[in-house]
Amino acid sequence: MSRAILLFAVCVVAACPGLGQSSSAFEVASVRLSAPGNTGPSSVGGFGTGRFTATNAPLVALLEIAFHVQQYQISGVPDWAEEETYEITAKAEDGISLDDDQLRPRLQHLLAERLRLATHREMKDVQGYALVVAKGGPKLKESTSAAATPAFMRPGRLRLPRVSMDVFAGMLYFSTIRPVVNKTGLEGSYEIELDYARDQDTDSSLPSIFTALQEQLGLKLEAQKVPVEMLVIDNVEKIPTEN
């Protein structure tokens, strides 16, 4: 599983909130480096089960999950992080199902404890896009679905029964590979259906993400520098402390 897919799975249900830390901890946990030369796929699992596992997971992927950030929001990553990966098994206390809100502080604590991770936050202007209303006005349908209605997402197709413009803008990163901020001024939740051609689909009959947003939703992406909250790594050690 790629880092982008790992983060996509986690960020689907939220707007990638702040980077604060917590004292919550796993009841028991093991963290170790993957075996040298391990080229197997990366994977994480156990969400909602009380256990968290990571196999062949790069440091950046763990940071993305722990802090609910995207890769472009992380700076100060050491050179060795491109080559080393980790194996993690962790168990929460009884009665904890490890949803997003319960997993993040525990994983943050684990990384701080075992890898001596120290971070801080800062704002930075980066090249990205503003999501705005296109000429002619929005073509959006207000949502009547319950908040728990599942979303369907895959590259080139979005089916979102209930989503705010803030969350939708954040999700467009996976199609533009640049940060997107909501400047539509639209409140409330909407039902989104969007079909577009991925960059690599050169023979597709579908429009690009930029054209699709205007034609199907009455929205537009404008290139500009946008403020992004960065997660800055002040310290991290490659070798985990003893389990």
C-alpha atoms as a PDB file:
ATOM      1  CA  MET A   1       0.000   0.000   0.000  1.00  0.00           C
ATOM      2  CA  SER A   2       1.531   3.374  -0.986  1.00  0.00           C
ATOM      3  CA  ARG A   3       1.935   6.312   1.382  1.00  0.00           C
ATOM      4  CA  ALA A   4      -0.646   8.298  -0.579  1.00  0.00           C
ATOM      5  CA  ILE A   5      -3.197   5.491  -0.272  1.00  0.00           C
ATOM      6  CA  LEU A   6      -2.457   5.106   3.440  1.00  0.00           C
ATOM      7  CA  LEU A   7      -3.151   8.776   4.012  1.00  0.00           C
ATOM      8  CA  PHE A   8      -6.127   8.803   1.644  1.00  0.00           C
ATOM      9  CA  ALA A   9      -7.792   6.113   3.748  1.00  0.00           C
ATOM     10  CA  VAL A  10      -7.231   8.068   6.938  1.00  0.00           C
ATOM     11  CA  CYS A  11      -8.132  11.552   5.687  1.00  0.00           C
ATOM     12  CA  VAL A  12     -11.379  10.562   3.994  1.00  0.00           C
ATOM     13  CA  VAL A  13     -13.465  11.002   7.131  1.00  0.00           C
ATOM     14  CA  ALA A  14     -12.042  14.301   8.374  1.00  0.00           C
ATOM     15  CA  ALA A  15     -10.500  17.582   7.274  1.00  0.00           C
ATOM     16  CA  CYS A  16      -7.038  16.639   8.553  1.00  0.00           C
ATOM     17  CA  PRO A  17      -7.263  18.611  11.818  1.00  0.00           C
ATOM     18  CA  GLY A  18      -4.509  20.164  13.925  1.00  0.00           C
ATOM     19  CA  LEU A  19      -1.155  18.790  14.885  1.00  0.00           C
ATOM     20  CA  GLY A  20      -1.431  18.916  18.695  1.00  0.00           C
ATOM     21  CA  GLN A  21      -0.066  16.153  20.905  1.00  0.00           C
ATOM     22  CA  SER A  22      -1.583  14.181  23.784  1.00  0.00           C
ATOM     23  CA  SER A  23      -0.382  12.081  26.729  1.00  0.00           C
ATOM     24  CA  SER A  24      -2.584   9.092  25.753  1.00  0.00           C
ATOM     25  CA  ALA A  25      -0.580   5.912  25.277  1.00  0.00           C
ATOM     26  CA  PHE A  26      -0.981   2.326  24.106  1.00  0.00           C
ATOM     27  CA  GLU A  27      -1.207  -0.261  26.856  1.00  0.00           C
ATOM     28  CA  VAL A  28       1.540  -2.359  25.224  1.00  0.00           C
ATOM     29  CA  ALA A  29       3.518  -1.758  22.032  1.00  0.00           C
ATOM     30  CA  SER A  30       6.479  -3.018  20.032  1.00  0.00           C
ATOM     31  CA  VAL A  31       8.431  -0.876  17.551  1.00  0.00           C
ATOM     32  CA  ARG A  32      11.352  -2.210  15.536  1.00  0.00           C
ATOM     33  CA  LEU A  33      13.150  -1.554  12.280  1.00  0.00           C
ATOM     34  CA  SER A  34      12.166  -3.729   9.346  1.00  0.00           C
ATOM     35  CA  ALA A  35      14.702  -6.344   8.294  1.00  0.00           C
ATOM     36  CA  PRO A  36      17.486  -4.988   6.047  1.00  0.00           C
ATOM     37  CA  GLY A  37      16.592  -5.238   2.384  1.00  0.00           C
ATOM     38  CA  ASN A  38      12.883  -5.639   3.071  1.00  0.00           C
ATOM     39  CA  THR A  39      11.109  -4.505  -0.099  1.00  0.00           C
ATOM     40  CA  GLY A  40       7.651  -5.809   0.736  1.00  0.00           C
ATOM     41  CA  PRO A  41       4.535  -3.628   0.557  1.00  0.00           C
ATOM     42  CA  SER A  42       3.676  -1.167   3.306  1.00  0.00           C
ATOM     43  CA  SER A  43       0.465  -1.721   5.229  1.00  0.00           C
ATOM     44  CA  VAL A  44      -1.337  -0.574   8.354  1.00  0.00           C
ATOM     45  CA  GLY A  45      -4.298  -2.228  10.027  1.00  0.00           C
ATOM     46  CA  GLY A  46      -6.401  -2.720  13.096  1.00  0.00           C
ATOM     47  CA  PHE A  47      -8.456   0.479  12.922  1.00  0.00           C
ATOM     48  CA  GLY A  48     -11.518   0.056  15.114  1.00  0.00           C
ATOM     49  CA  THR A  49     -10.271  -3.180  16.699  1.00  0.00           C
ATOM     50  CA  GLY A  50      -8.266  -1.999  19.689  1.00  0.00           C
ATOM     51  CA  ARG A  51      -4.988  -2.935  17.998  1.00  0.00           C
ATOM     52  CA  PHE A  52      -2.742  -1.057  15.579  1.00  0.00           C
ATOM     53  CA  THR A  53      -0.260  -2.754  13.272  1.00  0.00           C
ATOM     54  CA  ALA A  54       2.185  -1.387  10.714  1.00  0.00           C
ATOM     55  CA  THR A  55       4.294  -3.474   8.365  1.00  0.00           C
ATOM     56  CA  ASN A  56       7.252  -2.091   6.411  1.00  0.00           C
ATOM     57  CA  ALA A  57       5.953   1.411   7.158  1.00  0.00           C
ATOM     58  CA  PRO A  58       8.134   4.467   6.330  1.00  0.00           C
ATOM     59  CA  LEU A  59       8.531   7.164   8.987  1.00  0.00           C
ATOM     60  CA  VAL A  60       6.694   9.717   6.839  1.00  0.00           C
ATOM     61  CA  ALA A  61       3.680   7.410   6.485  1.00  0.00           C
ATOM     62  CA  LEU A  62       3.534   6.984  10.269  1.00  0.00           C
ATOM     63  CA  LEU A  63       3.737  10.755  10.750  1.00  0.00           C
ATOM     64  CA  GLU A  64       0.942  11.290   8.225  1.00  0.00           C
ATOM     65  CA  ILE A  65      -1.319   8.947  10.173  1.00  0.00           C
ATOM     66  CA  ALA A  66      -0.298  10.110  13.653  1.00  0.00           C
ATOM     67  CA  PHE A  67      -0.653  13.825  12.951  1.00  0.00           C
ATOM     68  CA  HIS A  68      -3.307  13.705  10.200  1.00  0.00           C
ATOM     69  CA  VAL A  69      -1.126  15.649   7.782  1.00  0.00           C
ATOM     70  CA  GLN A  70      -0.158  15.146   4.172  1.00  0.00           C
ATOM     71  CA  GLN A  71       3.405  14.555   3.016  1.00  0.00           C
ATOM     72  CA  TYR A  72       3.945  18.112   1.774  1.00  0.00           C
ATOM     73  CA  GLN A  73       3.164  19.376   5.289  1.00  0.00           C
ATOM     74  CA  ILE A  74       6.138  17.580   6.849  1.00  0.00           C
ATOM     75  CA  SER A  75       9.601  19.198   6.891  1.00  0.00           C
ATOM     76  CA  GLY A  76      12.894  18.267   8.485  1.00  0.00           C
ATOM     77  CA  VAL A  77      12.690  14.598   7.479  1.00  0.00           C
ATOM     78  CA  PRO A  78      16.155  13.006   7.882  1.00  0.00           C
ATOM     79  CA  ASP A  79      17.884  11.419   4.901  1.00  0.00           C
ATOM     80  CA  TRP A  80      17.748   7.916   6.386  1.00  0.00           C
ATOM     81  CA  ALA A  81      13.933   8.009   6.443  1.00  0.00           C
ATOM     82  CA  GLU A  82      13.899   7.306   2.696  1.00  0.00           C
ATOM     83  CA  GLU A  83      15.442   3.871   3.260  1.00  0.00           C
ATOM     84  CA  GLU A  84      14.315   2.661   6.693  1.00  0.00           C
ATOM     85  CA  THR A  85      10.873   1.267   7.535  1.00  0.00           C
ATOM     86  CA  TYR A  86       9.237   0.046  10.750  1.00  0.00           C
ATOM     87  CA  GLU A  87       7.236  -2.852  12.146  1.00  0.00           C
ATOM     88  CA  ILE A  88       4.724  -1.880  14.854  1.00  0.00           C
ATOM     89  CA  THR A  89       2.274  -3.886  16.916  1.00  0.00           C
ATOM     90  CA  ALA A  90       0.335  -2.029  19.600  1.00  0.00           C
ATOM     91  CA  LYS A  91      -2.688  -2.647  21.791  1.00  0.00           C
ATOM     92  CA  ALA A  92      -4.922  -0.072  23.433  1.00  0.00           C
ATOM     93  CA  GLU A  93      -6.486  -0.581  26.827  1.00  0.00           C
ATOM     94  CA  ASP A  94      -9.657  -2.685  27.000  1.00  0.00           C
ATOM     95  CA  GLY A  95     -12.766  -0.916  25.715  1.00  0.00           C
ATOM     96  CA  ILE A  96     -10.900   1.318  23.244  1.00  0.00           C
ATOM     97  CA  SER A  97     -11.704   0.674  19.580  1.00  0.00           C
ATOM     98  CA  LEU A  98      -9.022   2.980  18.093  1.00  0.00           C
ATOM     99  CA  ASP A  99     -10.990   5.251  15.832  1.00  0.00           C
ATOM    100  CA  ASP A 100      -9.104   8.237  14.373  1.00  0.00           C
ATOM    101  CA  ASP A 101      -9.409  10.383  17.499  1.00  0.00           C
ATOM    102  CA  GLN A 102      -8.214   7.553  19.729  1.00  0.00           C
ATOM    103  CA  LEU A 103      -5.391   6.353  17.484  1.00  0.00           C
ATOM    104  CA  ARG A 104      -3.663   9.643  16.707  1.00  0.00           C
ATOM    105  CA  PRO A 105      -2.586  10.691  20.234  1.00  0.00           C
ATOM    106  CA  ARG A 106      -1.454   7.152  21.055  1.00  0.00           C
ATOM    107  CA  LEU A 107       0.655   6.885  17.914  1.00  0.00           C
ATOM    108  CA  GLN A 108       2.111  10.350  18.542  1.00  0.00           C
ATOM    109  CA  HIS A 109       3.058   9.297  22.076  1.00  0.00           C
ATOM    110  CA  LEU A 110       4.571   6.037  20.822  1.00  0.00           C
ATOM    111  CA  LEU A 111       6.758   7.800  18.247  1.00  0.00           C
ATOM    112  CA  ALA A 112       7.895  10.335  20.848  1.00  0.00           C
ATOM    113  CA  GLU A 113       8.736   7.596  23.330  1.00  0.00           C
ATOM    114  CA  ARG A 114      10.430   5.046  21.059  1.00  0.00           C
ATOM    115  CA  LEU A 115      11.956   7.278  18.345  1.00  0.00           C
ATOM    116  CA  ARG A 116      12.481  10.384  20.504  1.00  0.00           C
ATOM    117  CA  LEU A 117      10.321  12.326  18.068  1.00  0.00           C
ATOM    118  CA  ALA A 118       9.989  16.039  18.805  1.00  0.00           C
ATOM    119  CA  THR A 119       8.013  18.395  16.566  1.00  0.00           C
ATOM    120  CA  HIS A 120       6.567  21.868  16.396  1.00  0.00           C
ATOM    121  CA  ARG A 121       4.094  23.665  14.151  1.00  0.00           C
ATOM    122  CA  GLU A 122       4.516  26.662  11.924  1.00  0.00           C
ATOM    123  CA  MET A 123       2.641  28.308   9.084  1.00  0.00           C
ATOM    124  CA  LYS A 124       4.136  28.557   5.624  1.00  0.00           C
ATOM    125  CA  ASP A 125       2.884  29.950   2.307  1.00  0.00           C
ATOM    126  CA  VAL A 126       3.262  27.357  -0.462  1.00  0.00           C
ATOM    127  CA  GLN A 127       2.179  27.133  -4.081  1.00  0.00           C
ATOM    128  CA  GLY A 128      -1.276  25.597  -4.275  1.00  0.00           C
ATOM    129  CA  TYR A 129      -4.848  26.325  -5.319  1.00  0.00           C
ATOM    130  CA  ALA A 130      -7.842  28.187  -3.998  1.00  0.00           C
ATOM    131  CA  LEU A 131     -11.217  26.510  -4.570  1.00  0.00           C
ATOM    132  CA  VAL A 132     -13.621  29.252  -5.641  1.00  0.00           C
ATOM    133  CA  VAL A 133     -17.058  29.527  -7.222  1.00  0.00           C
ATOM    134  CA  ALA A 134     -16.823  29.651 -11.013  1.00  0.00           C
ATOM    135  CA  LYS A 135     -18.564  32.179 -13.248  1.00  0.00           C
ATOM    136  CA  GLY A 136     -22.231  31.284 -13.431  1.00  0.00           C
ATOM    137  CA  GLY A 137     -22.423  30.103  -9.827  1.00  0.00           C
ATOM    138  CA  PRO A 138     -22.175  26.720  -8.109  1.00  0.00           C
ATOM    139  CA  LYS A 139     -23.915  23.590  -9.398  1.00  0.00           C
ATOM    140  CA  LEU A 140     -24.139  21.860  -6.043  1.00  0.00           C
ATOM    141  CA  LYS A 141     -26.844  19.831  -4.363  1.00  0.00           C
ATOM    142  CA  GLU A 142     -27.242  20.256  -0.630  1.00  0.00           C
ATOM    143  CA  SER A 143     -26.891  16.953   1.168  1.00  0.00           C
ATOM    144  CA  THR A 144     -29.831  15.192   2.800  1.00  0.00           C
ATOM    145  CA  SER A 145     -27.770  12.137   3.800  1.00  0.00           C
ATOM    146  CA  ALA A 146     -26.924  11.185   7.366  1.00  0.00           C
ATOM    147  CA  ALA A 147     -23.392  11.972   8.515  1.00  0.00           C
ATOM    148  CA  ALA A 148     -22.526   8.264   8.675  1.00  0.00           C
ATOM    149  CA  THR A 149     -23.315   7.614   5.009  1.00  0.00           C
ATOM    150  CA  PRO A 150     -20.172   6.080   3.450  1.00  0.00           C
ATOM    151  CA  ALA A 151     -18.247   7.818   0.698  1.00  0.00           C
ATOM    152  CA  PHE A 152     -17.004   6.181  -2.483  1.00  0.00           C
ATOM    153  CA  MET A 153     -13.668   7.403  -3.757  1.00  0.00           C
ATOM    154  CA  ARG A 154     -11.146   6.188  -6.269  1.00  0.00           C
ATOM    155  CA  PRO A 155      -8.794   8.000  -8.666  1.00  0.00           C
ATOM    156  CA  GLY A 156     -10.947   9.718 -11.281  1.00  0.00           C
ATOM    157  CA  ARG A 157     -14.255   9.353  -9.424  1.00  0.00           C
ATOM    158  CA  LEU A 158     -15.717  10.857  -6.253  1.00  0.00           C
ATOM    159  CA  ARG A 159     -19.100  10.056  -4.732  1.00  0.00           C
ATOM    160  CA  LEU A 160     -19.501  11.984  -1.486  1.00  0.00           C
ATOM    161  CA  PRO A 161     -23.029  11.893  -0.017  1.00  0.00           C
ATOM    162  CA  ARG A 162     -22.223  14.510   2.616  1.00  0.00           C
ATOM    163  CA  VAL A 163     -19.170  16.774   2.668  1.00  0.00           C
ATOM    164  CA  SER A 164     -18.323  20.367   3.554  1.00  0.00           C
ATOM    165  CA  MET A 165     -16.362  22.564   1.169  1.00  0.00           C
ATOM    166  CA  ASP A 166     -13.441  22.667   3.613  1.00  0.00           C
ATOM    167  CA  VAL A 167     -13.146  18.880   3.606  1.00  0.00           C
ATOM    168  CA  PHE A 168     -13.732  18.637  -0.149  1.00  0.00           C
ATOM    169  CA  ALA A 169     -10.995  21.191  -0.841  1.00  0.00           C
ATOM    170  CA  GLY A 170      -8.555  19.214   1.289  1.00  0.00           C
ATOM    171  CA  MET A 171      -9.384  16.013  -0.570  1.00  0.00           C
ATOM    172  CA  LEU A 172      -8.556  17.603  -3.921  1.00  0.00           C
ATOM    173  CA  TYR A 173      -4.879  17.377  -2.966  1.00  0.00           C
ATOM    174  CA  PHE A 174      -4.946  13.745  -4.094  1.00  0.00           C
ATOM    175  CA  SER A 175      -5.887  14.855  -7.607  1.00  0.00           C
ATOM    176  CA  THR A 176      -3.794  18.031  -7.907  1.00  0.00           C
ATOM    177  CA  ILE A 177      -0.811  17.034  -5.715  1.00  0.00           C
ATOM    178  CA  ARG A 178      -0.875  20.579  -4.368  1.00  0.00           C
ATOM    179  CA  PRO A 179      -2.650  21.936  -1.291  1.00  0.00           C
ATOM    180  CA  VAL A 180      -6.140  23.295  -1.917  1.00  0.00           C
ATOM    181  CA  VAL A 181      -7.936  25.710   0.423  1.00  0.00           C
ATOM    182  CA  ASN A 182     -11.635  26.500   0.408  1.00  0.00           C
ATOM    183  CA  LYS A 183     -12.429  30.067  -0.648  1.00  0.00           C
ATOM    184  CA  THR A 184     -15.924  29.392  -2.000  1.00  0.00           C
ATOM    185  CA  GLY A 185     -17.688  31.019   0.938  1.00  0.00           C
ATOM    186  CA  LEU A 186     -20.211  28.160   0.793  1.00  0.00           C
ATOM    187  CA  GLU A 187     -21.509  26.848   4.125  1.00  0.00           C
ATOM    188  CA  GLY A 188     -23.203  23.559   4.940  1.00  0.00           C
ATOM    189  CA  SER A 189     -22.766  20.072   3.475  1.00  0.00           C
ATOM    190  CA  TYR A 190     -23.160  18.967  -0.130  1.00  0.00           C
ATOM    191  CA  GLU A 191     -23.601  15.829  -2.194  1.00  0.00           C
ATOM    192  CA  ILE A 192     -20.667  15.593  -4.591  1.00  0.00           C
ATOM    193  CA  GLU A 193     -20.444  13.519  -7.768  1.00  0.00           C
ATOM    194  CA  LEU A 194     -17.341  14.146  -9.829  1.00  0.00           C
ATOM    195  CA  ASP A 195     -15.797  12.210 -12.734  1.00  0.00           C
ATOM    196  CA  TYR A 196     -12.511  13.278 -14.298  1.00  0.00           C
ATOM    197  CA  ALA A 197      -9.469  11.974 -16.158  1.00  0.00           C
ATOM    198  CA  ARG A 198      -6.316  11.317 -14.196  1.00  0.00           C
ATOM    199  CA  ASP A 199      -3.105  12.833 -15.565  1.00  0.00           C
ATOM    200  CA  GLN A 200      -1.888   9.440 -16.745  1.00  0.00           C
ATOM    201  CA  ASP A 201      -5.164   8.713 -18.599  1.00  0.00           C
ATOM    202  CA  THR A 202      -4.090  10.340 -21.853  1.00  0.00           C
ATOM    203  CA  ASP A 203      -6.729   8.557 -23.923  1.00  0.00           C
ATOM    204  CA  SER A 204      -9.648   9.206 -21.559  1.00  0.00           C
ATOM    205  CA  SER A 205     -12.805  10.872 -22.839  1.00  0.00           C
ATOM    206  CA  LEU A 206     -13.300  12.514 -19.434  1.00  0.00           C
ATOM    207  CA  PRO A 207     -12.203  16.115 -18.746  1.00  0.00           C
ATOM    208  CA  SER A 208      -9.305  17.089 -16.495  1.00  0.00           C
ATOM    209  CA  ILE A 209      -9.986  17.718 -12.803  1.00  0.00           C
ATOM    210  CA  PHE A 210      -9.920  21.481 -13.507  1.00  0.00           C
ATOM    211  CA  THR A 211     -12.499  21.284 -16.291  1.00  0.00           C
ATOM    212  CA  ALA A 212     -14.631  18.737 -14.449  1.00  0.00           C
ATOM    213  CA  LEU A 213     -14.939  20.966 -11.392  1.00  0.00           C
ATOM    214  CA  GLN A 214     -16.261  23.839 -13.518  1.00  0.00           C
ATOM    215  CA  GLU A 215     -18.555  21.798 -15.767  1.00  0.00           C
ATOM    216  CA  GLN A 216     -19.984  19.433 -13.145  1.00  0.00           C
ATOM    217  CA  LEU A 217     -19.901  21.470  -9.912  1.00  0.00           C
ATOM    218  CA  GLY A 218     -19.582  25.121 -10.934  1.00  0.00           C
ATOM    219  CA  LEU A 219     -16.332  25.428  -8.988  1.00  0.00           C
ATOM    220  CA  LYS A 220     -12.868  26.498 -10.046  1.00  0.00           C
ATOM    221  CA  LEU A 221      -9.255  26.033  -8.953  1.00  0.00           C
ATOM    222  CA  GLU A 222      -7.136  29.198  -9.025  1.00  0.00           C
ATOM    223  CA  ALA A 223      -3.360  28.837  -8.688  1.00  0.00           C
ATOM    224  CA  GLN A 224      -1.984  30.934  -5.836  1.00  0.00           C
ATOM    225  CA  LYS A 225       0.113  30.684  -2.717  1.00  0.00           C
ATOM    226  CA  VAL A 226      -1.893  29.342   0.201  1.00  0.00           C
ATOM    227  CA  PRO A 227      -1.119  29.154   3.931  1.00  0.00           C
ATOM    228  CA  VAL A 228      -0.323  25.651   5.143  1.00  0.00           C
ATOM    229  CA  GLU A 229       0.281  24.432   8.677  1.00  0.00           C
ATOM    230  CA  MET A 230       3.581  22.534   8.656  1.00  0.00           C
ATOM    231  CA  LEU A 231       4.755  19.774  10.964  1.00  0.00           C
ATOM    232  CA  VAL A 232       8.452  20.443  11.553  1.00  0.00           C
ATOM    233  CA  ILE A 233      10.623  17.611  12.862  1.00  0.00           C
ATOM    234  CA  ASP A 234      13.007  18.936  15.518  1.00  0.00           C
ATOM    235  CA  ASN A 235      14.397  15.530  16.464  1.00  0.00           C
ATOM    236  CA  VAL A 236      13.881  11.874  15.576  1.00  0.00           C
ATOM    237  CA  GLU A 237      16.114   8.837  16.092  1.00  0.00           C
ATOM    238  CA  LYS A 238      16.318   5.943  13.655  1.00  0.00           C
ATOM    239  CA  ILE A 239      16.845   3.124  16.169  1.00  0.00           C
ATOM    240  CA  PRO A 240      13.843   2.561  18.469  1.00  0.00           C
ATOM    241  CA  THR A 241      14.420   2.402  22.209  1.00  0.00           C
ATOM    242  CA  GLU A 242      13.898  -0.974  23.865  1.00  0.00           C
ATOM    243  CA  ASN A 243      10.348  -2.347  23.749  1.00  0.00           C
END
